[in-house]
């Protein structure tokens, strides 16, 4: 009986370690995608600004 209990405790510790590791990985992945979305948002805003500047110049050129 004691042997079974010790095996179960060992398995439980192993399972807890695995869950902790996976939780850590999920947190890292979540942070990665959060940062990536911030970078992509910034990039898209800068591209939009560039496109508007370019279009404004093109309109000015055509009016001349």
C-alpha atoms as a PDB file:
ATOM      1  CA  UNK A   1       0.000   0.000   0.000  1.00  0.00           C
ATOM      2  CA  UNK A   2       2.788   2.402   0.896  1.00  0.00           C
ATOM      3  CA  UNK A   3       4.571   1.537  -2.346  1.00  0.00           C
ATOM      4  CA  UNK A   4       1.491   2.399  -4.404  1.00  0.00           C
ATOM      5  CA  UNK A   5       1.080   5.665  -2.541  1.00  0.00           C
ATOM      6  CA  UNK A   6       4.710   6.626  -3.186  1.00  0.00           C
ATOM      7  CA  UNK A   7       4.361   5.817  -6.883  1.00  0.00           C
ATOM      8  CA  UNK A   8       1.235   7.927  -7.120  1.00  0.00           C
ATOM      9  CA  UNK A   9       2.943  10.847  -5.372  1.00  0.00           C
ATOM     10  CA  UNK A  10       5.883  10.563  -7.741  1.00  0.00           C
ATOM     11  CA  UNK A  11       3.565  10.544 -10.742  1.00  0.00           C
ATOM     12  CA  UNK A  12       1.669  13.509  -9.362  1.00  0.00           C
ATOM     13  CA  UNK A  13       4.899  15.505  -8.948  1.00  0.00           C
ATOM     14  CA  UNK A  14       5.858  14.633 -12.499  1.00  0.00           C
ATOM     15  CA  UNK A  15       2.457  15.745 -13.749  1.00  0.00           C
ATOM     16  CA  UNK A  16       2.636  18.989 -11.768  1.00  0.00           C
ATOM     17  CA  UNK A  17       6.071  19.739 -13.250  1.00  0.00           C
ATOM     18  CA  UNK A  18       4.770  19.092 -16.745  1.00  0.00           C
ATOM     19  CA  UNK A  19       1.742  21.350 -16.230  1.00  0.00           C
ATOM     20  CA  UNK A  20       3.965  24.082 -14.790  1.00  0.00           C
ATOM     21  CA  UNK A  21       6.300  23.863 -17.779  1.00  0.00           C
ATOM     22  CA  UNK A  22       3.396  23.973 -20.245  1.00  0.00           C
ATOM     23  CA  UNK A  23       1.858  26.934 -18.444  1.00  0.00           C
ATOM     24  CA  UNK A  24       5.168  28.742 -18.705  1.00  0.00           C
ATOM     25  CA  UNK A  25       5.375  27.974 -22.421  1.00  0.00           C
ATOM     26  CA  UNK A  26       1.852  29.274 -23.002  1.00  0.00           C
ATOM     27  CA  UNK A  27       2.720  32.491 -21.183  1.00  0.00           C
ATOM     28  CA  UNK A  28       5.810  32.957 -23.338  1.00  0.00           C
ATOM     29  CA  UNK A  29       3.841  32.310 -26.526  1.00  0.00           C
ATOM     30  CA  UNK A  30       1.148  34.720 -25.376  1.00  0.00           C
ATOM     31  CA  UNK A  31       3.761  37.418 -24.751  1.00  0.00           C
ATOM     32  CA  UNK A  32       5.347  36.731 -28.148  1.00  0.00           C
ATOM     33  CA  UNK A  33       2.057  37.237 -30.001  1.00  0.00           C
ATOM     34  CA  UNK A  34       1.209  40.309 -27.942  1.00  0.00           C
ATOM     35  CA  UNK A  35       4.533  41.914 -28.879  1.00  0.00           C
ATOM     36  CA  UNK A  36       4.151  40.804 -32.497  1.00  0.00           C
ATOM     37  CA  UNK A  37       0.704  42.399 -32.757  1.00  0.00           C
ATOM     38  CA  UNK A  38       2.078  45.657 -31.322  1.00  0.00           C
ATOM     39  CA  UNK A  39       4.870  45.660 -33.909  1.00  0.00           C
ATOM     40  CA  UNK A  40       2.478  44.845 -36.751  1.00  0.00           C
ATOM     41  CA  UNK A  41       0.074  47.590 -35.674  1.00  0.00           C
ATOM     42  CA  UNK A  42       2.909  50.130 -35.568  1.00  0.00           C
ATOM     43  CA  UNK A  43       4.143  48.929 -38.962  1.00  0.00           C
ATOM     44  CA  UNK A  44       0.698  49.207 -40.555  1.00  0.00           C
ATOM     45  CA  UNK A  45       0.209  52.719 -39.173  1.00  0.00           C
ATOM     46  CA  UNK A  46       3.546  53.836 -40.585  1.00  0.00           C
ATOM     47  CA  UNK A  47       2.748  52.287 -43.975  1.00  0.00           C
ATOM     48  CA  UNK A  48      -0.609  54.042 -44.025  1.00  0.00           C
ATOM     49  CA  UNK A  49       1.075  57.361 -43.239  1.00  0.00           C
ATOM     50  CA  UNK A  50       3.615  56.775 -45.994  1.00  0.00           C
ATOM     51  CA  UNK A  51       0.891  55.909 -48.510  1.00  0.00           C
ATOM     52  CA  UNK A  52      -1.102  59.040 -47.623  1.00  0.00           C
ATOM     53  CA  UNK A  53       2.002  61.200 -48.010  1.00  0.00           C
ATOM     54  CA  UNK A  54       2.751  59.642 -51.375  1.00  0.00           C
ATOM     55  CA  UNK A  55      -0.834  60.093 -52.599  1.00  0.00           C
ATOM     56  CA  UNK A  56      -0.874  63.712 -51.465  1.00  0.00           C
ATOM     57  CA  UNK A  57       2.311  64.373 -53.450  1.00  0.00           C
ATOM     58  CA  UNK A  58       0.833  62.664 -56.488  1.00  0.00           C
ATOM     59  CA  UNK A  59      -2.285  64.855 -56.298  1.00  0.00           C
ATOM     60  CA  UNK A  60      -0.132  67.966 -56.049  1.00  0.00           C
ATOM     61  CA  UNK A  61       1.911  66.895 -59.070  1.00  0.00           C
ATOM     62  CA  UNK A  62      -1.226  66.310 -61.165  1.00  0.00           C
ATOM     63  CA  UNK A  63      -2.656  69.716 -60.259  1.00  0.00           C
ATOM     64  CA  UNK A  64       0.393  71.495 -61.606  1.00  0.00           C
END
